[in-house]
């Protein structure tokens, strides 16, 4: 109270805020009002606005009081940085007062507030009417209001379009966006699915932002515009037409427009022409060749001539340019074409330096002797001795490499042949018997198994084929565990088979061990089967 009695309002406010709960005869609100009134009286509206936030806090009525007080003194815009839009949310009139003041005095601030504030805070229809009236008054040069600059008019149109979108008056909103060439139109179209409203105005969209327009055309899933329609609409804007076709082909579509794209690349983006000619397949080579010749694009002409099969003409073009290196590279791409190499040799005879270069670069593809034999006897070839020596050294190196390779191959063949021949035989006499039936294995006319095939296993067991088959069909063998059977199988050779004799011996060992097979040896060993 002493601070207030001595007109020390700032100190009084700080004391009240610090001891809010201890105040008895006065409240923070009352102290604040005196402070703000004093600051307003002194014209310190910025300082007053900063204290309003401390004074009002969450009190909606206090905020509305100060909005009215600042409006009365025509400084309501000073509250823009501090006025709350929620917690508390004020009455719509409070926000409309601020918007109206900004509309009249600061159109740029008005646009910012319209885009920043939720339109639910105020009556959108009333604000739209005020914008239209402000534009009308400016058009009629109302002396009571300041005239708007061209930039300020744009701000108001952008704000109006934004509010039209909110009220779902999409046609007017799109008209304003297109009139202003505002890129915000793309966001509005995508967010509210308005592509159907502008599918006939693609040129205008392209004029605003070609890249965004192309994305919209290619990415819209609801109403896809046929490529033919877009290409037709962009016929008078070739650069934009090229951009659209380029993006269309990048999605794997629009291959029917390859010829048109070649023409556009040749006119406006030569750097992409060669790569496109190499990658694309379904274009008219004759038409592309005519375009490249008309623009004197030599590299492209050479490529197209080679692709069309007219390799001789392509080689003539290269040699007429005096580019022997390019000619050699071109022939190397078609190294199997002997006639093409012969044509290169004939053309190289016109210039001595070409002969030298041909001898030093193409020795691995052509016979250097043919080149040398065709050289005119009266022609002076610079560096001929050096070139011939290089050819001879290269030939000597190749012969040496072939000799070493042949020797290595012969040694490998001999090693494999020795491995193949080394296969020790097995003597079958009357002493050797089948390990299952115990009959002799040696053919005996009196034996019923005389003419049977035999199976000799690497484990050392020798069996009759019929004994093997009988044993494999035995019920006990069929019940053998899968793990046991897997041990006898070779995944790389179908001829690997279980040896029945090994299996029988293993079963006998298990029985002698009272069923405990924990110490038994591997029951079945994978061994190869041989048939005699």
Protein backbone atom coordinates (compact mmCIF):
# COMPACT_ATOMS: atom_id res chain seq x y z
CA UNK A 1 0.00 0.00 0.00
CA UNK A 2 2.88 2.31 0.70
CA UNK A 3 4.17 1.74 -2.87
CA UNK A 4 0.75 2.63 -4.26
CA UNK A 5 0.41 5.74 -2.09
CA UNK A 6 3.77 6.94 -3.41
CA UNK A 7 2.91 6.16 -7.06
CA UNK A 8 5.52 3.40 -7.24
CA UNK A 9 3.30 1.12 -9.30
CA UNK A 10 6.01 -1.15 -10.69
CA UNK A 11 7.39 -1.82 -7.21
CA UNK A 12 3.86 -2.33 -5.92
CA UNK A 13 3.18 -4.88 -8.67
CA UNK A 14 6.36 -6.81 -7.98
CA UNK A 15 5.58 -6.85 -4.26
CA UNK A 16 2.02 -8.05 -4.90
CA UNK A 17 3.18 -10.84 -7.19
CA UNK A 18 5.80 -11.95 -4.66
CA UNK A 19 3.32 -11.97 -1.74
CA UNK A 20 0.09 -12.88 -3.54
CA UNK A 21 -1.25 -15.04 -0.68
CA UNK A 22 -0.46 -12.44 2.02
CA UNK A 23 -2.45 -9.58 0.48
CA UNK A 24 -5.44 -8.41 2.56
CA UNK A 25 -6.70 -4.97 1.58
CA UNK A 26 -5.84 -5.16 -2.14
CA UNK A 27 -5.55 -7.90 -4.85
CA UNK A 28 -3.00 -8.48 -7.55
CA UNK A 29 -5.65 -7.61 -10.12
CA UNK A 30 -6.33 -4.22 -8.54
CA UNK A 31 -2.64 -3.41 -8.28
CA UNK A 32 -2.18 -4.49 -11.88
CA UNK A 33 -4.99 -2.31 -13.15
CA UNK A 34 -3.48 0.73 -11.51
CA UNK A 35 -0.09 -0.14 -13.00
CA UNK A 36 -1.47 -0.67 -16.52
CA UNK A 37 -3.59 2.50 -16.36
CA UNK A 38 -0.53 4.46 -15.33
CA UNK A 39 1.58 2.94 -18.12
CA UNK A 40 -1.15 3.59 -20.69
CA UNK A 41 -1.43 7.16 -19.45
CA UNK A 42 2.31 7.54 -20.03
CA UNK A 43 2.00 5.93 -23.51
CA UNK A 44 4.08 2.89 -22.54
CA UNK A 45 1.86 0.32 -24.25
CA UNK A 46 4.58 -2.28 -24.86
CA UNK A 47 5.48 -2.38 -21.18
CA UNK A 48 1.82 -2.46 -20.23
CA UNK A 49 1.21 -5.47 -22.54
CA UNK A 50 4.02 -7.42 -20.89
CA UNK A 51 2.52 -6.85 -17.42
CA UNK A 52 -0.94 -7.85 -18.67
CA UNK A 53 0.26 -11.43 -19.12
CA UNK A 54 1.49 -11.53 -15.48
CA UNK A 55 -1.62 -9.90 -14.14
CA UNK A 56 -4.26 -11.92 -15.99
CA UNK A 57 -2.77 -15.39 -16.00
CA UNK A 58 -5.71 -17.79 -16.53
CA UNK A 59 -8.38 -15.22 -15.79
CA UNK A 60 -10.53 -14.92 -18.92
CA UNK A 61 -12.48 -11.85 -17.72
CA UNK A 62 -9.29 -9.93 -16.95
CA UNK A 63 -7.96 -10.63 -20.43
CA UNK A 64 -11.17 -9.44 -22.05
CA UNK A 65 -11.06 -6.29 -19.88
CA UNK A 66 -7.60 -5.36 -21.07
CA UNK A 67 -8.43 -6.15 -24.73
CA UNK A 68 -11.22 -3.58 -24.45
CA UNK A 69 -8.93 -1.08 -22.71
CA UNK A 70 -6.18 -1.37 -25.33
CA UNK A 71 -8.76 -1.14 -28.12
CA UNK A 72 -10.12 2.04 -26.59
CA UNK A 73 -6.66 3.60 -26.91
CA UNK A 74 -6.16 2.15 -30.45
CA UNK A 75 -3.21 -0.01 -29.42
CA UNK A 76 -4.84 -3.44 -29.31
CA UNK A 77 -2.15 -4.90 -31.60
CA UNK A 78 0.32 -4.56 -28.73
CA UNK A 79 -1.43 -7.58 -27.17
CA UNK A 80 -0.70 -9.87 -30.12
CA UNK A 81 2.52 -11.39 -28.65
CA UNK A 82 0.85 -12.19 -25.29
CA UNK A 83 -2.82 -12.85 -25.90
CA UNK A 84 -3.78 -16.50 -25.24
CA UNK A 85 -5.64 -18.66 -27.77
CA UNK A 86 -6.36 -21.45 -25.29
CA UNK A 87 -6.31 -21.79 -21.51
CA UNK A 88 -8.09 -19.48 -21.47
CA UNK A 89 -9.80 -19.03 -24.81
CA UNK A 90 -11.43 -15.60 -25.04
CA UNK A 91 -14.68 -14.60 -26.67
CA UNK A 92 -14.58 -14.40 -30.51
CA UNK A 93 -15.02 -10.62 -30.37
CA UNK A 94 -11.61 -10.21 -28.72
CA UNK A 95 -9.79 -11.94 -31.56
CA UNK A 96 -11.92 -10.19 -34.17
CA UNK A 97 -10.96 -6.81 -32.69
CA UNK A 98 -7.29 -7.65 -33.11
CA UNK A 99 -7.77 -9.05 -36.64
CA UNK A 100 -9.79 -6.01 -37.70
CA UNK A 101 -7.12 -3.65 -36.43
CA UNK A 102 -4.40 -5.63 -38.26
CA UNK A 103 -6.54 -5.69 -41.41
CA UNK A 104 -6.67 -1.92 -41.44
CA UNK A 105 -3.18 -1.06 -40.23
CA UNK A 106 -0.88 -4.03 -40.89
CA UNK A 107 -2.01 -6.42 -43.66
CA UNK A 108 1.17 -8.48 -43.33
CA UNK A 109 0.45 -9.09 -39.61
CA UNK A 110 -3.16 -9.85 -40.53
CA UNK A 111 -2.05 -12.59 -42.93
CA UNK A 112 0.28 -14.03 -40.29
CA UNK A 113 -2.50 -14.15 -37.67
CA UNK A 114 -5.01 -15.70 -40.09
CA UNK A 115 -2.60 -18.52 -40.88
CA UNK A 116 -1.42 -18.91 -37.30
CA UNK A 117 -4.70 -18.76 -35.36
CA UNK A 118 -7.27 -21.51 -35.51
CA UNK A 119 -10.29 -20.12 -37.40
CA UNK A 120 -12.51 -21.56 -34.64
CA UNK A 121 -11.40 -18.66 -32.43
CA UNK A 122 -13.42 -16.09 -34.37
CA UNK A 123 -16.33 -15.81 -36.76
CA UNK A 124 -14.77 -16.56 -40.12
CA UNK A 125 -17.71 -15.20 -42.11
CA UNK A 126 -17.43 -11.81 -40.42
CA UNK A 127 -13.70 -11.60 -41.13
CA UNK A 128 -14.24 -12.56 -44.79
CA UNK A 129 -16.80 -9.77 -45.13
CA UNK A 130 -14.36 -7.28 -43.61
CA UNK A 131 -11.59 -8.33 -45.99
CA UNK A 132 -13.87 -7.89 -48.99
CA UNK A 133 -15.01 -4.49 -47.69
CA UNK A 134 -11.41 -3.42 -47.13
CA UNK A 135 -10.53 -4.38 -50.70
CA UNK A 136 -13.61 -2.60 -52.02
CA UNK A 137 -12.84 0.58 -50.08
CA UNK A 138 -9.28 0.54 -51.35
CA UNK A 139 -10.52 0.15 -54.92
CA UNK A 140 -12.84 3.13 -54.44
CA UNK A 141 -10.09 5.16 -52.71
CA UNK A 142 -11.87 5.59 -49.40
CA UNK A 143 -10.26 8.67 -47.75
CA UNK A 144 -10.88 7.28 -44.25
CA UNK A 145 -8.50 4.37 -44.84
CA UNK A 146 -4.93 4.23 -46.04
CA UNK A 147 -4.41 2.87 -49.52
CA UNK A 148 -2.98 -0.60 -49.91
CA UNK A 149 0.23 -1.39 -51.75
CA UNK A 150 0.39 -4.18 -54.30
CA UNK A 151 2.17 -6.39 -51.79
CA UNK A 152 -0.44 -5.70 -49.09
CA UNK A 153 -3.23 -6.57 -51.52
CA UNK A 154 -1.50 -9.91 -52.11
CA UNK A 155 -1.44 -10.54 -48.34
CA UNK A 156 -5.17 -9.96 -48.13
CA UNK A 157 -5.92 -12.20 -51.10
CA UNK A 158 -3.83 -14.98 -49.56
CA UNK A 159 -5.67 -14.60 -46.26
CA UNK A 160 -9.00 -14.66 -48.05
CA UNK A 161 -8.07 -17.83 -49.94
CA UNK A 162 -7.03 -19.49 -46.67
CA UNK A 163 -10.36 -18.66 -45.06
CA UNK A 164 -12.28 -19.83 -48.13
CA UNK A 165 -10.60 -23.21 -47.80
CA UNK A 166 -11.65 -23.36 -44.15
CA UNK A 167 -15.28 -22.62 -45.08
CA UNK A 168 -15.00 -25.24 -47.88
CA UNK A 169 -15.59 -22.66 -50.57
CA UNK A 170 -12.95 -24.42 -52.63
CA UNK A 171 -13.74 -22.91 -56.02
CA UNK A 172 -13.13 -19.34 -54.86
CA UNK A 173 -10.07 -20.40 -52.90
CA UNK A 174 -8.50 -22.10 -55.92
CA UNK A 175 -9.30 -19.13 -58.15
CA UNK A 176 -7.45 -16.83 -55.76
CA UNK A 177 -4.46 -19.17 -55.41
CA UNK A 178 -4.14 -19.51 -59.18
CA UNK A 179 -4.56 -15.76 -59.65
CA UNK A 180 -1.80 -15.09 -57.12
CA UNK A 181 0.39 -17.95 -58.40
CA UNK A 182 0.66 -19.03 -54.78
CA UNK A 183 2.39 -22.40 -54.18
CA UNK A 184 0.02 -22.92 -51.25
CA UNK A 185 -2.46 -24.15 -53.83
CA UNK A 186 -0.65 -27.51 -53.99
CA UNK A 187 -0.98 -28.11 -50.28
CA UNK A 188 -4.69 -27.20 -50.41
CA UNK A 189 -5.27 -29.54 -53.37
CA UNK A 190 -3.49 -32.44 -51.73
CA UNK A 191 -4.98 -31.95 -48.26
CA UNK A 192 -8.60 -31.57 -49.41
CA UNK A 193 -8.38 -33.78 -52.53
CA UNK A 194 -9.24 -30.96 -54.94
CA UNK A 195 -7.44 -32.31 -57.99
CA UNK A 196 -10.70 -32.72 -59.83
CA UNK A 197 -11.23 -28.94 -59.63
CA UNK A 198 -7.96 -28.14 -61.42
CA UNK A 199 -7.29 -31.08 -63.75
CA UNK A 200 -8.12 -28.84 -66.72
CA UNK A 201 -5.79 -26.07 -65.53
CA UNK A 202 -2.51 -27.97 -65.54
CA UNK A 203 -0.71 -25.23 -67.45
CA UNK A 204 -1.47 -22.72 -64.68
CA UNK A 205 -0.24 -25.15 -62.04
CA UNK A 206 2.94 -25.72 -64.02
CA UNK A 207 3.46 -22.01 -64.26
CA UNK A 208 3.35 -21.71 -60.47
CA UNK A 209 5.76 -24.55 -59.65
CA UNK A 210 6.56 -27.12 -62.32
CA UNK A 211 8.10 -29.67 -59.96
CA UNK A 212 5.18 -29.63 -57.50
CA UNK A 213 2.71 -29.76 -60.38
CA UNK A 214 4.39 -32.83 -61.86
CA UNK A 215 4.39 -34.55 -58.47
CA UNK A 216 0.71 -33.78 -58.12
CA UNK A 217 -0.02 -35.21 -61.56
CA UNK A 218 1.94 -38.40 -60.98
CA UNK A 219 1.17 -39.05 -57.32
CA UNK A 220 -2.54 -38.32 -57.18
CA UNK A 221 -4.32 -41.65 -56.77
CA UNK A 222 -7.88 -40.42 -56.76
CA UNK A 223 -8.15 -38.86 -60.22
CA UNK A 224 -5.22 -39.61 -62.46
CA UNK A 225 -5.11 -37.44 -65.56
CA UNK A 226 -4.16 -39.40 -68.71
CA UNK A 227 -0.66 -38.64 -69.91
CA UNK A 228 -2.02 -37.70 -73.32
CA UNK A 229 -4.14 -34.95 -71.77
CA UNK A 230 -1.19 -33.49 -69.89
CA UNK A 231 1.13 -33.65 -72.89
CA UNK A 232 -1.48 -31.91 -75.03
CA UNK A 233 -2.05 -29.15 -72.49
CA UNK A 234 1.71 -28.57 -72.21
CA UNK A 235 2.34 -28.51 -75.96
CA UNK A 236 3.04 -24.77 -75.83
CA UNK A 237 5.39 -25.15 -72.86
CA UNK A 238 8.04 -27.56 -74.14
CA UNK A 239 10.36 -27.28 -71.14
CA UNK A 240 7.55 -28.17 -68.76
CA UNK A 241 6.46 -30.89 -71.14
CA UNK A 242 9.98 -32.33 -71.00
CA UNK A 243 9.99 -32.18 -67.20
CA UNK A 244 6.68 -34.03 -67.02
CA UNK A 245 7.75 -36.75 -69.47
CA UNK A 246 11.06 -37.18 -67.70
CA UNK A 247 9.33 -37.81 -64.36
CA UNK A 248 6.76 -40.03 -66.07
CA UNK A 249 9.45 -42.26 -67.57
CA UNK A 250 11.27 -42.42 -64.24
CA UNK A 251 8.17 -44.21 -62.91
CA UNK A 252 8.38 -46.75 -65.72
CA UNK A 253 5.49 -45.22 -67.67
CA UNK A 254 5.05 -43.14 -70.81
CA UNK A 255 7.41 -45.10 -73.04
CA UNK A 256 5.17 -44.17 -75.99
CA UNK A 257 6.54 -40.63 -75.76
CA UNK A 258 10.20 -41.57 -76.23
CA UNK A 259 10.38 -39.92 -79.66
CA UNK A 260 8.95 -36.69 -78.30
CA UNK A 261 11.33 -36.73 -75.36
CA UNK A 262 14.32 -37.19 -77.68
CA UNK A 263 13.23 -34.10 -79.57
CA UNK A 264 12.84 -32.13 -76.34
CA UNK A 265 16.21 -33.28 -74.99
CA UNK A 266 17.87 -32.27 -78.23
CA UNK A 267 16.35 -28.80 -77.96
CA UNK A 268 16.61 -28.04 -74.26
CA UNK A 269 18.77 -30.58 -72.38
CA UNK A 270 21.48 -32.17 -74.54
CA UNK A 271 23.32 -33.59 -71.51
CA UNK A 272 20.55 -36.15 -70.98
CA UNK A 273 20.20 -37.10 -74.64
CA UNK A 274 22.98 -39.68 -74.96
CA UNK A 275 22.12 -41.52 -71.75
CA UNK A 276 18.47 -41.68 -72.82
CA UNK A 277 19.40 -43.01 -76.27
CA UNK A 278 21.46 -45.75 -74.62
CA UNK A 279 18.79 -46.80 -72.10
CA UNK A 280 15.60 -46.46 -74.14
CA UNK A 281 14.60 -49.13 -76.61
CA UNK A 282 11.27 -48.21 -78.17
CA UNK A 283 12.09 -45.14 -80.20
CA UNK A 284 12.41 -44.63 -83.94
CA UNK A 285 16.11 -44.69 -84.73
CA UNK A 286 15.68 -42.97 -88.11
CA UNK A 287 13.76 -40.11 -86.55
CA UNK A 288 16.24 -39.75 -83.69
CA UNK A 289 19.13 -39.83 -86.19
CA UNK A 290 17.55 -37.06 -88.24
CA UNK A 291 17.13 -34.89 -85.12
CA UNK A 292 20.74 -35.41 -84.02
CA UNK A 293 22.07 -34.67 -87.51
CA UNK A 294 20.03 -31.49 -87.64
CA UNK A 295 21.61 -30.33 -84.37
CA UNK A 296 25.06 -31.60 -85.43
CA UNK A 297 25.36 -33.89 -82.38
CA UNK A 298 28.21 -36.07 -83.66
CA UNK A 299 28.48 -38.44 -80.69
CA UNK A 300 24.79 -39.20 -80.79
CA UNK A 301 24.85 -39.64 -84.58
CA UNK A 302 27.68 -42.16 -84.31
CA UNK A 303 25.85 -44.12 -81.61
CA UNK A 304 22.59 -44.24 -83.58
CA UNK A 305 24.33 -45.29 -86.78
CA UNK A 306 26.02 -48.13 -84.92
CA UNK A 307 22.75 -49.14 -83.27
CA UNK A 308 20.89 -49.14 -86.59
CA UNK A 309 23.49 -51.48 -88.13
CA UNK A 310 24.99 -48.88 -90.47
CA UNK A 311 28.42 -49.27 -88.91
CA UNK A 312 30.37 -48.27 -92.00
CA UNK A 313 28.72 -44.86 -92.15
CA UNK A 314 29.31 -44.39 -88.41
CA UNK A 315 32.98 -45.24 -88.90
CA UNK A 316 33.22 -42.82 -91.84
CA UNK A 317 31.77 -40.03 -89.69
CA UNK A 318 34.32 -40.70 -86.96
CA UNK A 319 37.27 -40.83 -89.33
CA UNK A 320 36.16 -37.69 -91.14
CA UNK A 321 36.47 -35.99 -87.79
CA UNK A 322 40.02 -37.30 -87.53
CA UNK A 323 39.30 -39.16 -84.28
CA UNK A 324 41.20 -42.40 -84.69
CA UNK A 325 40.93 -43.23 -80.96
CA UNK A 326 37.15 -42.99 -81.15
CA UNK A 327 37.19 -45.13 -84.29
CA UNK A 328 39.22 -47.85 -82.57
CA UNK A 329 36.87 -47.80 -79.56
CA UNK A 330 33.90 -48.05 -81.90
CA UNK A 331 35.36 -51.07 -83.69
CA UNK A 332 36.28 -52.63 -80.36
CA UNK A 333 32.59 -52.56 -79.35
CA UNK A 334 31.96 -54.69 -82.47
CA UNK A 335 35.17 -56.69 -82.32
CA UNK A 336 33.70 -59.69 -84.18
CA UNK A 337 32.95 -57.59 -87.26
CA UNK A 338 35.98 -58.33 -89.46
CA UNK A 339 34.71 -56.17 -92.32
CA UNK A 340 34.45 -53.19 -89.97
CA UNK A 341 38.10 -53.62 -88.93
CA UNK A 342 39.12 -53.88 -92.57
CA UNK A 343 37.24 -50.68 -93.30
CA UNK A 344 39.10 -48.98 -90.46
CA UNK A 345 42.43 -50.13 -91.89
CA UNK A 346 41.50 -48.70 -95.31
CA UNK A 347 40.46 -45.34 -93.84
CA UNK A 348 43.58 -45.20 -91.67
CA UNK A 349 45.79 -45.36 -94.78
CA UNK A 350 44.93 -41.75 -95.56
CA UNK A 351 47.04 -40.37 -92.71
CA UNK A 352 50.40 -41.62 -91.42
CA UNK A 353 49.65 -40.76 -87.79
CA UNK A 354 46.48 -42.89 -87.96
CA UNK A 355 48.52 -45.88 -89.14
CA UNK A 356 50.94 -45.49 -86.24
CA UNK A 357 48.10 -45.23 -83.74
CA UNK A 358 46.31 -48.21 -85.21
CA UNK A 359 49.41 -50.38 -84.94
CA UNK A 360 50.02 -49.42 -81.31
CA UNK A 361 46.42 -49.63 -80.10
CA UNK A 362 44.62 -52.34 -82.04
CA UNK A 363 47.25 -55.07 -82.20
CA UNK A 364 45.12 -57.50 -80.18
CA UNK A 365 42.12 -57.21 -82.52
CA UNK A 366 43.73 -57.12 -85.96
CA UNK A 367 46.71 -58.69 -87.61
CA UNK A 368 49.43 -55.99 -87.65
CA UNK A 369 50.95 -57.64 -90.72
CA UNK A 370 47.83 -56.79 -92.74
CA UNK A 371 48.17 -53.16 -91.74
CA UNK A 372 51.83 -53.02 -92.64
CA UNK A 373 51.26 -54.72 -96.01
CA UNK A 374 48.67 -52.13 -96.99
CA UNK A 375 50.87 -49.13 -96.18
CA UNK A 376 51.88 -47.35 -99.42
CA UNK A 377 55.60 -47.77 -100.04
CA UNK A 378 56.14 -44.06 -100.61
CA UNK A 379 54.39 -42.98 -97.38
CA UNK A 380 56.57 -41.79 -94.52
CA UNK A 381 55.17 -43.24 -91.26
CA UNK A 382 56.35 -41.40 -88.12
CA UNK A 383 57.43 -43.78 -85.37
CA UNK A 384 56.89 -46.87 -87.52
CA UNK A 385 59.95 -48.68 -86.13
CA UNK A 386 58.78 -48.08 -82.55
CA UNK A 387 55.25 -49.28 -83.36
CA UNK A 388 56.50 -52.44 -85.07
CA UNK A 389 58.79 -53.24 -82.14
CA UNK A 390 55.84 -52.84 -79.76
CA UNK A 391 53.76 -55.20 -81.89
CA UNK A 392 56.54 -57.81 -81.87
CA UNK A 393 57.00 -57.56 -78.11
CA UNK A 394 53.26 -57.91 -77.55
CA UNK A 395 53.18 -60.94 -79.82
CA UNK A 396 56.12 -62.50 -78.01
CA UNK A 397 54.38 -61.95 -74.68
CA UNK A 398 51.19 -63.55 -75.95
CA UNK A 399 53.08 -66.59 -77.25
CA UNK A 400 54.84 -66.98 -73.90
CA UNK A 401 51.55 -66.78 -72.01
CA UNK A 402 49.97 -69.36 -74.29
CA UNK A 403 52.92 -71.72 -73.74
CA UNK A 404 52.71 -71.43 -69.96
CA UNK A 405 48.94 -71.94 -70.06
CA UNK A 406 49.26 -75.01 -72.25
CA UNK A 407 51.86 -76.52 -69.93
CA UNK A 408 49.64 -75.94 -66.87
CA UNK A 409 46.68 -77.55 -68.64
CA UNK A 410 48.71 -80.59 -69.62
CA UNK A 411 49.91 -81.08 -66.04
CA UNK A 412 46.35 -80.83 -64.71
CA UNK A 413 45.08 -83.32 -67.28
CA UNK A 414 47.89 -85.76 -66.43
CA UNK A 415 47.18 -85.51 -62.70
CA UNK A 416 43.46 -86.15 -63.20
CA UNK A 417 44.20 -89.03 -65.57
CA UNK A 418 46.46 -90.70 -62.99
CA UNK A 419 43.77 -90.37 -60.33
CA UNK A 420 41.26 -91.94 -62.67
CA UNK A 421 43.49 -94.91 -63.52
CA UNK A 422 44.44 -95.65 -59.90
CA UNK A 423 41.67 -98.06 -58.84
CA UNK A 424 43.00 -101.28 -57.28
CA UNK A 425 41.14 -104.42 -58.23
CA UNK A 426 39.51 -106.91 -55.82
CA UNK A 427 40.24 -110.60 -56.28
CA UNK A 428 37.17 -112.79 -56.11
CA UNK A 429 37.97 -116.45 -55.62
CA UNK A 430 36.36 -119.50 -54.05
CA UNK A 431 37.55 -118.48 -50.61
CA UNK A 432 35.57 -115.23 -50.51
CA UNK A 433 32.00 -115.66 -49.37
CA UNK A 434 28.95 -113.44 -49.00
CA UNK A 435 28.88 -111.89 -45.52
CA UNK A 436 25.15 -112.55 -45.22
CA UNK A 437 24.35 -115.90 -46.86
CA UNK A 438 27.93 -117.25 -46.45
CA UNK A 439 27.92 -118.75 -49.93
CA UNK A 440 30.86 -118.28 -52.26
CA UNK A 441 30.93 -115.16 -54.38
CA UNK A 442 32.86 -116.67 -57.25
CA UNK A 443 30.52 -117.70 -60.08
CA UNK A 444 29.80 -121.43 -59.95
CA UNK A 445 27.59 -123.08 -62.59
CA UNK A 446 26.13 -125.37 -59.93
CA UNK A 447 25.13 -122.47 -57.65
CA UNK A 448 21.78 -120.79 -58.03
CA UNK A 449 23.56 -117.49 -57.49
CA UNK A 450 26.14 -118.09 -60.16
CA UNK A 451 25.05 -115.37 -62.54
CA UNK A 452 24.13 -112.78 -59.90
CA UNK A 453 25.52 -109.31 -59.64
CA UNK A 454 27.75 -108.66 -56.67
CA UNK A 455 28.05 -105.64 -54.42
CA UNK A 456 31.42 -104.85 -52.91
CA UNK A 457 31.42 -102.25 -50.15
CA UNK A 458 34.38 -100.09 -49.12
CA UNK A 459 33.95 -101.26 -45.55
CA UNK A 460 35.27 -104.65 -46.73
CA UNK A 461 31.98 -106.55 -46.94
CA UNK A 462 31.20 -108.42 -50.16
CA UNK A 463 27.58 -109.39 -50.78
CA UNK A 464 25.24 -110.80 -53.35
CA UNK A 465 22.81 -108.29 -54.76
CA UNK A 466 19.83 -110.43 -53.74
CA UNK A 467 21.16 -110.66 -50.17
CA UNK A 468 21.48 -106.89 -50.04
CA UNK A 469 17.91 -106.41 -51.28
CA UNK A 470 16.49 -109.02 -48.87
CA UNK A 471 18.27 -107.45 -45.92
CA UNK A 472 17.18 -103.92 -46.82
CA UNK A 473 13.56 -105.07 -46.99
CA UNK A 474 13.72 -106.71 -43.54
CA UNK A 475 11.27 -105.27 -41.00
CA UNK A 476 13.95 -104.60 -38.36
CA UNK A 477 16.00 -102.68 -40.85
CA UNK A 478 12.96 -100.64 -41.87
CA UNK A 479 12.47 -99.67 -38.21
CA UNK A 480 16.02 -98.33 -37.91
CA UNK A 481 16.10 -94.78 -36.64
CA UNK A 482 16.33 -91.97 -39.14
CA UNK A 483 19.63 -90.83 -37.64
CA UNK A 484 21.13 -94.28 -38.29
CA UNK A 485 19.96 -94.23 -41.88
CA UNK A 486 21.26 -90.75 -42.44
CA UNK A 487 24.72 -91.90 -41.42
CA UNK A 488 24.68 -94.26 -44.37
CA UNK A 489 23.63 -91.70 -46.94
CA UNK A 490 25.89 -89.46 -49.01
CA UNK A 491 24.09 -86.24 -50.06
CA UNK A 492 26.34 -85.91 -53.11
CA UNK A 493 26.11 -89.42 -54.59
CA UNK A 494 22.98 -91.49 -55.10
CA UNK A 495 25.13 -94.67 -55.35
CA UNK A 496 26.03 -94.48 -51.67
CA UNK A 497 24.00 -97.05 -49.78
CA UNK A 498 23.73 -98.67 -46.37
CA UNK A 499 25.84 -101.78 -45.93
CA UNK A 500 23.45 -104.39 -44.46
CA UNK A 501 26.31 -106.44 -43.01
CA UNK A 502 27.52 -103.42 -40.99
CA UNK A 503 24.02 -102.85 -39.76
CA UNK A 504 23.59 -106.51 -38.64
CA UNK A 505 26.90 -106.46 -36.78
CA UNK A 506 25.95 -103.26 -35.03
CA UNK A 507 22.63 -104.70 -33.87
CA UNK A 508 24.40 -107.79 -32.48
CA UNK A 509 26.81 -105.58 -30.51
CA UNK A 510 23.90 -103.72 -28.97
CA UNK A 511 22.23 -106.97 -27.87
CA UNK A 512 25.47 -108.29 -26.28
CA UNK A 513 25.70 -105.01 -24.39
CA UNK A 514 22.24 -105.55 -22.85
CA UNK A 515 20.66 -102.88 -24.98
CA UNK A 516 23.07 -100.15 -23.94
CA UNK A 517 24.44 -98.68 -27.15
CA UNK A 518 26.17 -95.75 -25.51
CA UNK A 519 29.61 -97.33 -26.11
CA UNK A 520 28.81 -98.88 -29.48
CA UNK A 521 30.73 -97.78 -32.49
CA UNK A 522 29.08 -95.83 -35.25
CA UNK A 523 26.30 -98.20 -36.35
CA UNK A 524 26.41 -97.60 -40.06
CA UNK A 525 29.30 -96.14 -42.00
CA UNK A 526 28.58 -94.30 -45.26
CA UNK A 527 30.44 -96.32 -47.87
CA UNK A 528 30.26 -96.43 -51.68
CA UNK A 529 28.45 -99.24 -53.43
CA UNK A 530 30.01 -100.88 -56.47
CA UNK A 531 28.15 -103.15 -58.85
CA UNK A 532 29.79 -105.97 -60.80
